[in-house]
N, C-alpha and C. Protein backbone atom coordinates (compact mmCIF):
# COMPACT_ATOMS: atom_id res chain seq x y z
N MET A 1 -52.79 -40.42 104.53
CA MET A 1 -51.71 -39.48 104.47
C MET A 1 -52.04 -38.25 105.40
N ASP A 2 -51.27 -37.90 106.40
CA ASP A 2 -51.60 -36.88 107.21
C ASP A 2 -51.18 -35.59 106.63
N LYS A 3 -51.44 -34.44 107.42
CA LYS A 3 -51.35 -32.99 106.82
C LYS A 3 -49.75 -32.89 106.68
N LYS A 4 -48.97 -33.39 107.69
CA LYS A 4 -47.45 -33.18 107.56
C LYS A 4 -46.87 -33.70 106.26
N ASP A 5 -47.31 -35.00 105.93
CA ASP A 5 -46.82 -35.71 104.77
C ASP A 5 -47.16 -34.91 103.44
N LYS A 6 -48.44 -34.45 103.43
CA LYS A 6 -49.00 -33.65 102.29
C LYS A 6 -48.04 -32.40 102.17
N VAL A 7 -47.77 -31.69 103.28
CA VAL A 7 -46.90 -30.51 103.27
C VAL A 7 -45.57 -30.87 102.64
N SER A 8 -44.87 -31.97 103.30
CA SER A 8 -43.58 -32.39 102.78
C SER A 8 -43.58 -32.63 101.36
N ARG A 9 -44.51 -33.42 100.84
CA ARG A 9 -44.60 -33.76 99.48
C ARG A 9 -44.72 -32.50 98.70
N PHE A 10 -45.73 -31.67 99.02
CA PHE A 10 -45.88 -30.41 98.36
C PHE A 10 -44.52 -29.63 98.22
N ASP A 11 -43.87 -29.46 99.29
CA ASP A 11 -42.62 -28.73 99.28
C ASP A 11 -41.54 -29.32 98.34
N THR A 12 -41.47 -30.72 98.26
CA THR A 12 -40.51 -31.43 97.43
C THR A 12 -40.87 -31.14 96.01
N ILE A 13 -42.13 -31.18 95.60
CA ILE A 13 -42.58 -30.93 94.30
C ILE A 13 -42.34 -29.35 93.93
N ARG A 14 -42.60 -28.45 94.80
CA ARG A 14 -42.49 -26.94 94.66
C ARG A 14 -40.96 -26.69 94.43
N HIS A 15 -39.94 -27.33 95.28
CA HIS A 15 -38.54 -27.20 95.01
C HIS A 15 -38.17 -27.59 93.67
N SER A 16 -38.60 -28.80 93.28
CA SER A 16 -38.19 -29.44 91.88
C SER A 16 -38.68 -28.35 90.78
N ILE A 17 -39.84 -27.93 90.92
CA ILE A 17 -40.28 -27.00 89.86
C ILE A 17 -39.51 -25.63 89.89
N ALA A 18 -39.25 -25.11 91.12
CA ALA A 18 -38.42 -23.99 91.17
C ALA A 18 -37.07 -24.17 90.66
N GLY A 19 -36.49 -25.34 90.89
CA GLY A 19 -35.17 -25.63 90.27
C GLY A 19 -35.19 -25.55 88.73
N MET A 20 -36.25 -26.15 88.09
CA MET A 20 -36.27 -26.16 86.67
C MET A 20 -36.39 -24.72 86.23
N ILE A 21 -37.13 -23.85 86.86
CA ILE A 21 -37.37 -22.52 86.40
C ILE A 21 -36.17 -21.67 86.56
N ARG A 22 -35.35 -21.97 87.63
CA ARG A 22 -34.19 -21.06 87.87
C ARG A 22 -33.05 -21.56 86.97
N SER A 23 -33.00 -22.69 86.51
CA SER A 23 -31.91 -23.17 85.66
C SER A 23 -32.30 -23.95 84.43
N PRO A 24 -33.01 -23.39 83.58
CA PRO A 24 -33.50 -24.14 82.38
C PRO A 24 -32.35 -24.76 81.62
N LYS A 25 -31.19 -24.18 81.52
CA LYS A 25 -30.14 -24.58 80.81
C LYS A 25 -29.65 -25.96 81.28
N THR A 26 -29.72 -26.13 82.57
CA THR A 26 -29.37 -27.47 83.07
C THR A 26 -30.24 -28.53 82.68
N MET A 27 -31.49 -28.20 82.72
CA MET A 27 -32.57 -29.07 82.41
C MET A 27 -32.62 -29.52 80.93
N LEU A 28 -32.24 -28.44 80.13
CA LEU A 28 -32.46 -28.68 78.68
C LEU A 28 -31.26 -28.92 77.86
N GLY A 29 -30.10 -28.83 78.57
CA GLY A 29 -28.75 -28.94 77.81
C GLY A 29 -28.22 -27.64 77.45
N SER A 30 -27.01 -27.56 76.83
CA SER A 30 -26.36 -26.30 76.57
C SER A 30 -26.75 -25.68 75.25
N SER A 31 -27.30 -26.40 74.36
CA SER A 31 -27.79 -25.77 73.11
C SER A 31 -29.30 -25.70 73.16
N SER A 32 -29.82 -25.16 73.97
CA SER A 32 -31.25 -25.07 74.21
C SER A 32 -31.81 -23.74 73.62
N PHE A 33 -33.13 -23.74 73.61
CA PHE A 33 -33.99 -22.49 73.10
C PHE A 33 -33.42 -21.29 73.93
N PHE A 34 -33.10 -21.43 75.26
CA PHE A 34 -32.67 -20.34 76.11
C PHE A 34 -31.36 -19.67 75.65
N ASP A 35 -30.53 -20.44 75.21
CA ASP A 35 -29.24 -19.95 74.62
C ASP A 35 -29.45 -19.09 73.43
N VAL A 36 -30.42 -19.49 72.57
CA VAL A 36 -30.71 -18.69 71.22
C VAL A 36 -31.23 -17.30 71.65
N ILE A 37 -32.28 -17.30 72.61
CA ILE A 37 -32.74 -16.24 72.99
C ILE A 37 -31.61 -15.26 73.50
N SER A 38 -30.87 -15.68 74.52
CA SER A 38 -29.81 -14.76 75.01
C SER A 38 -28.89 -14.24 73.96
N ALA A 39 -28.48 -15.13 73.05
CA ALA A 39 -27.64 -14.69 71.92
C ALA A 39 -28.29 -13.68 71.01
N SER A 40 -29.56 -13.78 70.68
CA SER A 40 -30.30 -12.95 69.89
C SER A 40 -30.62 -11.63 70.50
N GLU A 41 -30.50 -11.54 71.78
CA GLU A 41 -30.81 -10.25 72.42
C GLU A 41 -29.62 -9.29 72.62
N LYS A 42 -28.31 -9.82 72.31
CA LYS A 42 -27.23 -9.08 72.23
C LYS A 42 -27.27 -8.06 71.14
N PRO A 43 -26.75 -6.88 71.22
CA PRO A 43 -26.79 -5.85 70.19
C PRO A 43 -25.92 -6.45 68.83
N LEU A 44 -26.29 -5.98 67.86
CA LEU A 44 -25.75 -6.45 66.63
C LEU A 44 -24.16 -6.30 66.70
N ALA A 45 -23.70 -5.21 67.19
CA ALA A 45 -22.19 -4.91 67.18
C ALA A 45 -21.47 -5.95 68.13
N GLU A 46 -22.21 -6.57 69.06
CA GLU A 46 -21.60 -7.65 69.94
C GLU A 46 -21.81 -9.11 69.49
N GLN A 47 -22.36 -9.16 68.31
CA GLN A 47 -22.48 -10.62 67.68
C GLN A 47 -21.21 -10.90 67.07
N ASP A 48 -20.68 -12.18 67.38
CA ASP A 48 -19.47 -12.68 66.87
C ASP A 48 -19.47 -12.81 65.32
N TRP A 49 -20.70 -13.00 64.64
CA TRP A 49 -20.76 -13.12 63.25
C TRP A 49 -20.81 -11.76 62.53
N TYR A 50 -20.85 -10.65 63.34
CA TYR A 50 -21.03 -9.38 62.71
C TYR A 50 -19.61 -8.81 62.47
N HIS A 51 -19.31 -8.38 61.48
CA HIS A 51 -17.91 -7.85 61.07
C HIS A 51 -17.75 -6.31 60.74
N GLY A 52 -18.87 -5.61 61.05
CA GLY A 52 -18.83 -4.16 60.79
C GLY A 52 -18.81 -3.83 59.30
N ALA A 53 -18.13 -2.70 59.06
CA ALA A 53 -18.15 -2.31 57.58
C ALA A 53 -16.95 -2.70 56.81
N ILE A 54 -16.89 -4.04 56.67
CA ILE A 54 -15.75 -4.55 55.88
C ILE A 54 -16.19 -4.60 54.34
N PRO A 55 -15.18 -4.47 53.53
CA PRO A 55 -15.47 -4.44 52.03
C PRO A 55 -15.86 -5.87 51.62
N ARG A 56 -16.65 -5.95 50.57
CA ARG A 56 -17.23 -7.07 50.00
C ARG A 56 -16.10 -8.16 49.70
N ILE A 57 -14.99 -7.62 49.18
CA ILE A 57 -13.85 -8.42 48.83
C ILE A 57 -13.34 -9.18 50.12
N GLU A 58 -13.26 -8.41 51.20
CA GLU A 58 -12.68 -8.97 52.36
C GLU A 58 -13.67 -9.92 52.98
N ALA A 59 -14.87 -9.76 52.92
CA ALA A 59 -15.85 -10.75 53.35
C ALA A 59 -15.77 -12.00 52.57
N GLN A 60 -15.79 -11.88 51.22
CA GLN A 60 -15.51 -13.09 50.34
C GLN A 60 -14.29 -13.97 50.78
N GLU A 61 -13.17 -13.34 51.11
CA GLU A 61 -11.96 -14.04 51.49
C GLU A 61 -12.25 -14.78 52.72
N LEU A 62 -13.03 -14.42 53.59
CA LEU A 62 -13.41 -15.15 54.85
C LEU A 62 -14.32 -16.38 54.76
N LEU A 63 -15.11 -16.36 53.67
CA LEU A 63 -16.11 -17.40 53.39
C LEU A 63 -15.35 -18.56 52.55
N LYS A 64 -15.16 -19.80 53.19
CA LYS A 64 -14.28 -20.76 52.56
C LYS A 64 -15.08 -22.05 52.39
N GLN A 65 -15.96 -22.38 53.33
CA GLN A 65 -16.71 -23.67 53.30
C GLN A 65 -18.18 -23.60 53.18
N GLN A 66 -18.89 -24.52 52.67
CA GLN A 66 -20.24 -24.62 52.50
C GLN A 66 -21.01 -24.16 53.75
N GLY A 67 -21.75 -23.14 53.63
CA GLY A 67 -22.61 -22.75 54.70
C GLY A 67 -21.89 -21.64 55.67
N ASP A 68 -20.55 -21.29 55.36
CA ASP A 68 -19.97 -20.17 56.09
C ASP A 68 -20.80 -19.00 55.88
N PHE A 69 -20.90 -18.08 57.03
CA PHE A 69 -21.68 -16.90 56.87
C PHE A 69 -21.20 -15.81 57.75
N LEU A 70 -21.46 -14.53 57.43
CA LEU A 70 -21.25 -13.45 58.34
C LEU A 70 -22.15 -12.21 57.85
N VAL A 71 -22.32 -11.28 58.71
CA VAL A 71 -23.13 -10.12 58.50
C VAL A 71 -22.20 -8.92 58.55
N ARG A 72 -22.39 -8.09 57.67
CA ARG A 72 -21.61 -6.73 57.56
C ARG A 72 -22.38 -5.60 57.13
N GLU A 73 -21.97 -4.47 57.45
CA GLU A 73 -22.55 -3.33 56.95
C GLU A 73 -22.02 -3.05 55.59
N SER A 74 -22.96 -2.63 54.71
CA SER A 74 -22.55 -2.36 53.28
C SER A 74 -21.49 -1.28 53.22
N HIS A 75 -20.35 -1.51 52.45
CA HIS A 75 -19.23 -0.59 52.50
C HIS A 75 -19.80 0.69 51.63
N GLY A 76 -20.40 0.44 50.66
CA GLY A 76 -20.93 1.41 49.73
C GLY A 76 -22.14 2.17 50.09
N LYS A 77 -22.98 1.47 51.04
CA LYS A 77 -24.31 2.07 51.53
C LYS A 77 -24.34 1.97 53.02
N PRO A 78 -23.65 2.84 53.65
CA PRO A 78 -23.74 2.79 55.19
C PRO A 78 -25.28 2.86 55.61
N GLY A 79 -25.32 2.04 56.71
CA GLY A 79 -26.75 1.90 57.31
C GLY A 79 -27.53 0.61 56.65
N GLU A 80 -26.96 0.06 55.52
CA GLU A 80 -27.48 -1.11 54.93
C GLU A 80 -26.67 -2.33 55.32
N TYR A 81 -27.35 -3.42 55.70
CA TYR A 81 -26.66 -4.55 56.12
C TYR A 81 -26.84 -5.76 55.05
N VAL A 82 -25.77 -6.61 55.12
CA VAL A 82 -25.66 -7.55 54.09
C VAL A 82 -25.35 -8.95 54.82
N LEU A 83 -26.01 -9.96 54.46
CA LEU A 83 -25.56 -11.30 54.84
C LEU A 83 -24.76 -11.92 53.71
N SER A 84 -23.46 -12.31 54.03
CA SER A 84 -22.57 -12.91 53.03
C SER A 84 -22.43 -14.47 53.37
N VAL A 85 -22.63 -15.26 52.37
CA VAL A 85 -22.57 -16.64 52.60
C VAL A 85 -21.75 -17.43 51.55
N PHE A 86 -21.18 -18.55 51.84
CA PHE A 86 -20.58 -19.49 50.83
C PHE A 86 -21.52 -20.52 50.74
N SER A 87 -21.95 -20.73 49.51
CA SER A 87 -22.90 -21.79 49.17
C SER A 87 -22.74 -22.31 47.79
N ASP A 88 -22.71 -23.57 47.68
CA ASP A 88 -22.59 -24.26 46.36
C ASP A 88 -21.39 -23.63 45.50
N GLY A 89 -20.28 -23.39 46.19
CA GLY A 89 -18.95 -22.90 45.53
C GLY A 89 -19.06 -21.43 45.21
N GLN A 90 -20.05 -20.84 45.64
CA GLN A 90 -20.18 -19.43 45.30
C GLN A 90 -20.26 -18.61 46.56
N ARG A 91 -19.70 -17.38 46.50
CA ARG A 91 -20.04 -16.35 47.56
C ARG A 91 -21.15 -15.44 47.22
N ARG A 92 -22.25 -15.63 48.03
CA ARG A 92 -23.46 -14.79 47.78
C ARG A 92 -23.70 -13.78 48.82
N HIS A 93 -24.25 -12.63 48.41
CA HIS A 93 -24.57 -11.61 49.31
C HIS A 93 -26.02 -11.20 49.19
N PHE A 94 -26.65 -11.21 50.33
CA PHE A 94 -28.08 -10.88 50.47
C PHE A 94 -28.29 -9.64 51.29
N ILE A 95 -28.97 -8.57 50.66
CA ILE A 95 -29.25 -7.43 51.43
C ILE A 95 -30.32 -7.81 52.56
N ILE A 96 -30.18 -7.34 53.63
CA ILE A 96 -31.14 -7.51 54.77
C ILE A 96 -32.21 -6.45 54.56
N GLN A 97 -33.36 -6.75 54.14
CA GLN A 97 -34.42 -5.79 53.95
C GLN A 97 -35.00 -5.21 55.30
N TYR A 98 -35.21 -3.96 55.30
CA TYR A 98 -35.80 -3.23 56.47
C TYR A 98 -37.05 -2.51 56.02
N ALA A 99 -38.31 -2.95 56.52
CA ALA A 99 -39.51 -2.31 56.27
C ALA A 99 -40.51 -2.58 57.28
N ASP A 100 -41.34 -1.53 57.69
CA ASP A 100 -42.35 -1.73 58.69
C ASP A 100 -41.70 -2.05 60.04
N ASN A 101 -40.57 -1.65 60.35
CA ASN A 101 -39.88 -1.87 61.56
C ASN A 101 -39.47 -3.36 61.74
N GLN A 102 -39.21 -4.01 60.69
CA GLN A 102 -39.03 -5.50 60.73
C GLN A 102 -37.75 -5.73 59.66
N TYR A 103 -36.88 -6.63 60.10
CA TYR A 103 -35.79 -6.98 59.21
C TYR A 103 -36.13 -8.49 58.73
N ARG A 104 -35.94 -8.57 57.41
CA ARG A 104 -36.21 -9.90 56.63
C ARG A 104 -35.38 -10.06 55.38
N PHE A 105 -35.44 -11.40 54.94
CA PHE A 105 -34.96 -11.58 53.64
C PHE A 105 -36.27 -11.74 52.75
N GLU A 106 -37.08 -12.61 53.01
CA GLU A 106 -38.47 -12.71 52.51
C GLU A 106 -39.22 -13.52 53.57
N GLY A 107 -40.52 -13.18 53.47
CA GLY A 107 -41.43 -13.90 54.50
C GLY A 107 -41.31 -13.17 55.81
N THR A 108 -41.12 -14.07 56.96
CA THR A 108 -41.12 -13.70 58.33
C THR A 108 -40.14 -12.54 58.72
N GLY A 109 -40.65 -11.51 59.36
CA GLY A 109 -39.84 -10.42 59.75
C GLY A 109 -39.42 -10.53 61.29
N PHE A 110 -38.34 -9.79 61.66
CA PHE A 110 -37.98 -9.76 62.96
C PHE A 110 -37.57 -8.50 63.42
N SER A 111 -37.69 -8.09 64.74
CA SER A 111 -37.40 -6.73 65.11
C SER A 111 -35.98 -6.40 65.17
N THR A 112 -35.01 -7.36 65.21
CA THR A 112 -33.64 -7.09 65.20
C THR A 112 -32.92 -7.99 64.11
N ILE A 113 -31.79 -7.55 63.68
CA ILE A 113 -30.97 -8.46 62.92
C ILE A 113 -30.45 -9.78 63.60
N PRO A 114 -30.00 -9.52 64.82
CA PRO A 114 -29.63 -10.86 65.53
C PRO A 114 -30.83 -11.90 65.62
N GLN A 115 -31.95 -11.39 65.87
CA GLN A 115 -33.08 -12.36 65.87
C GLN A 115 -33.30 -13.07 64.51
N LEU A 116 -33.23 -12.36 63.43
CA LEU A 116 -33.38 -12.75 62.02
C LEU A 116 -32.23 -13.80 61.77
N ILE A 117 -31.00 -13.57 62.02
CA ILE A 117 -29.95 -14.53 61.68
C ILE A 117 -30.10 -15.64 62.54
N GLU A 118 -30.42 -15.58 63.97
CA GLU A 118 -30.46 -16.68 64.83
C GLU A 118 -31.70 -17.57 64.29
N TYR A 119 -32.75 -17.00 63.93
CA TYR A 119 -33.81 -17.83 63.33
C TYR A 119 -33.44 -18.78 62.26
N HIS A 120 -32.75 -18.08 61.26
CA HIS A 120 -32.23 -18.84 60.00
C HIS A 120 -31.19 -19.79 60.33
N TYR A 121 -30.34 -19.44 61.29
CA TYR A 121 -29.25 -20.38 61.68
C TYR A 121 -29.66 -21.60 62.47
N THR A 122 -30.58 -21.40 63.47
CA THR A 122 -30.99 -22.53 64.29
C THR A 122 -32.08 -23.27 63.58
N THR A 123 -32.88 -22.72 62.78
CA THR A 123 -33.87 -23.63 62.18
C THR A 123 -33.55 -24.23 60.80
N LYS A 124 -32.38 -23.72 60.32
CA LYS A 124 -31.82 -24.19 58.91
C LYS A 124 -32.83 -23.86 57.88
N HIS A 125 -33.64 -22.80 58.05
CA HIS A 125 -34.60 -22.30 57.06
C HIS A 125 -33.86 -21.63 56.03
N VAL A 126 -34.24 -21.77 54.73
CA VAL A 126 -33.44 -21.11 53.65
C VAL A 126 -33.72 -19.67 53.75
N ILE A 127 -32.55 -19.03 53.24
CA ILE A 127 -32.58 -17.47 53.25
C ILE A 127 -33.67 -16.95 52.34
N THR A 128 -33.71 -17.47 51.11
CA THR A 128 -34.66 -17.33 50.13
C THR A 128 -35.04 -18.56 49.40
N LYS A 129 -36.34 -18.78 48.95
CA LYS A 129 -36.70 -20.09 48.37
C LYS A 129 -35.85 -20.17 47.01
N LYS A 130 -35.68 -19.11 46.35
CA LYS A 130 -34.94 -19.24 45.11
C LYS A 130 -33.53 -19.64 45.18
N SER A 131 -32.81 -19.04 46.36
CA SER A 131 -31.45 -19.30 46.55
C SER A 131 -31.19 -20.86 47.06
N GLY A 132 -32.09 -21.15 48.07
CA GLY A 132 -31.86 -22.31 48.83
C GLY A 132 -30.65 -22.37 49.77
N VAL A 133 -30.07 -21.18 49.92
CA VAL A 133 -29.02 -20.96 50.88
C VAL A 133 -29.37 -21.22 52.34
N ILE A 134 -28.62 -22.01 53.03
CA ILE A 134 -28.81 -22.28 54.52
C ILE A 134 -27.46 -22.05 55.32
N LEU A 135 -27.77 -21.37 56.43
CA LEU A 135 -26.64 -20.91 57.24
C LEU A 135 -26.16 -21.99 58.17
N LEU A 136 -24.82 -22.39 58.00
CA LEU A 136 -24.23 -23.49 58.77
C LEU A 136 -23.18 -23.05 59.74
N ASN A 137 -22.26 -22.20 59.27
CA ASN A 137 -21.10 -21.98 60.15
C ASN A 137 -20.83 -20.41 60.27
N PRO A 138 -20.98 -19.85 61.38
CA PRO A 138 -20.84 -18.37 61.50
C PRO A 138 -19.38 -18.19 61.37
N VAL A 139 -18.92 -17.27 60.66
CA VAL A 139 -17.41 -16.82 60.68
C VAL A 139 -17.36 -15.73 61.76
N VAL A 140 -16.74 -16.13 62.82
CA VAL A 140 -16.53 -15.15 63.91
C VAL A 140 -15.39 -14.26 63.82
N LYS A 141 -15.53 -13.17 64.32
CA LYS A 141 -14.30 -12.16 64.59
C LYS A 141 -14.03 -12.25 66.13
N GLU A 142 -12.82 -12.19 66.31
CA GLU A 142 -12.31 -12.09 67.76
C GLU A 142 -11.13 -11.27 67.83
N ARG A 143 -11.08 -10.55 68.96
CA ARG A 143 -9.87 -9.83 69.18
C ARG A 143 -8.84 -10.64 69.80
N ASN A 144 -7.77 -10.77 69.13
CA ASN A 144 -6.58 -11.44 69.75
C ASN A 144 -5.88 -10.58 70.68
N LEU A 145 -6.07 -10.88 71.97
CA LEU A 145 -5.46 -9.99 73.03
C LEU A 145 -4.05 -10.25 73.22
N ARG A 146 -3.46 -11.25 72.68
CA ARG A 146 -2.09 -11.73 72.72
C ARG A 146 -1.21 -11.16 71.67
N ARG A 147 -1.80 -10.44 70.73
CA ARG A 147 -1.12 -10.02 69.52
C ARG A 147 -0.11 -9.01 70.01
N ILE A 148 1.06 -9.28 69.42
CA ILE A 148 2.27 -8.43 69.71
C ILE A 148 2.10 -6.92 69.11
N GLN A 149 1.49 -6.90 67.90
CA GLN A 149 1.39 -5.72 67.25
C GLN A 149 0.26 -4.82 68.06
N SER A 150 0.29 -3.54 67.88
CA SER A 150 -0.69 -2.76 68.65
C SER A 150 -1.64 -2.19 67.77
N ASP A 151 -1.89 -2.77 66.50
CA ASP A 151 -2.89 -2.16 65.63
C ASP A 151 -4.33 -2.56 66.06
N HIS A 152 -4.51 -3.62 66.91
CA HIS A 152 -5.85 -3.91 67.41
C HIS A 152 -6.81 -4.40 66.21
N GLN A 153 -6.37 -4.74 65.17
CA GLN A 153 -7.23 -5.19 64.08
C GLN A 153 -7.76 -6.64 64.57
N PRO A 154 -9.04 -6.90 64.11
CA PRO A 154 -9.64 -8.13 64.50
C PRO A 154 -8.94 -9.24 63.63
N CYS A 155 -8.91 -10.44 64.28
CA CYS A 155 -8.46 -11.66 63.49
C CYS A 155 -9.67 -12.57 63.23
N TYR A 156 -9.80 -13.24 62.18
CA TYR A 156 -11.05 -13.91 61.81
C TYR A 156 -10.79 -15.46 61.77
N ARG A 157 -11.78 -16.23 62.34
CA ARG A 157 -11.73 -17.68 62.16
C ARG A 157 -13.17 -18.17 62.06
N ARG A 158 -13.31 -19.33 61.51
CA ARG A 158 -14.69 -20.04 61.36
C ARG A 158 -14.90 -20.54 62.94
N THR A 159 -16.05 -20.79 63.26
CA THR A 159 -16.32 -21.21 64.54
C THR A 159 -15.76 -22.69 64.70
N SER A 160 -15.76 -23.55 63.61
CA SER A 160 -15.18 -24.89 63.62
C SER A 160 -13.70 -24.84 63.98
N GLU A 161 -13.00 -23.58 63.75
CA GLU A 161 -11.57 -23.57 64.29
C GLU A 161 -11.37 -23.01 65.65
N CYS A 162 -12.52 -22.50 66.17
CA CYS A 162 -12.42 -21.91 67.57
C CYS A 162 -12.80 -22.94 68.66
N SER A 163 -12.22 -22.82 69.76
CA SER A 163 -12.35 -23.67 70.80
C SER A 163 -12.95 -23.02 72.01
């Protein structure tokens, strides 16, 4: 093999590797590790499953199927965040603990709430050992831009109903 063939072969390999680095989603598929990272890097307020300071009763009305979940700011304790989940026929509410600059339920802590939720959602790791609750379906909020009314209230649907 002469020098020209070696250079040509090297360039082919280099371009293949560069393509993989530039477009990891293409190589790994749409539900890859890279999608999780980008979703968990968005601020809490931009997360589809974050519903702001809605009352507990309103959160409960949105949870209808096994594994449905959303995160909300506590209506009674501003600055405290709650994970609301439908599990085993019950609507459960878990306070997201914040200590030592980490958010957690029990065990592993994360620097942001989106990272905490994405971890439990993608790994299907239980929220607490005692509860056995697993996150399956984010209940997303979305602004309906075609709404005739001008009240700009969010409308809510489970992701299984969204396309």
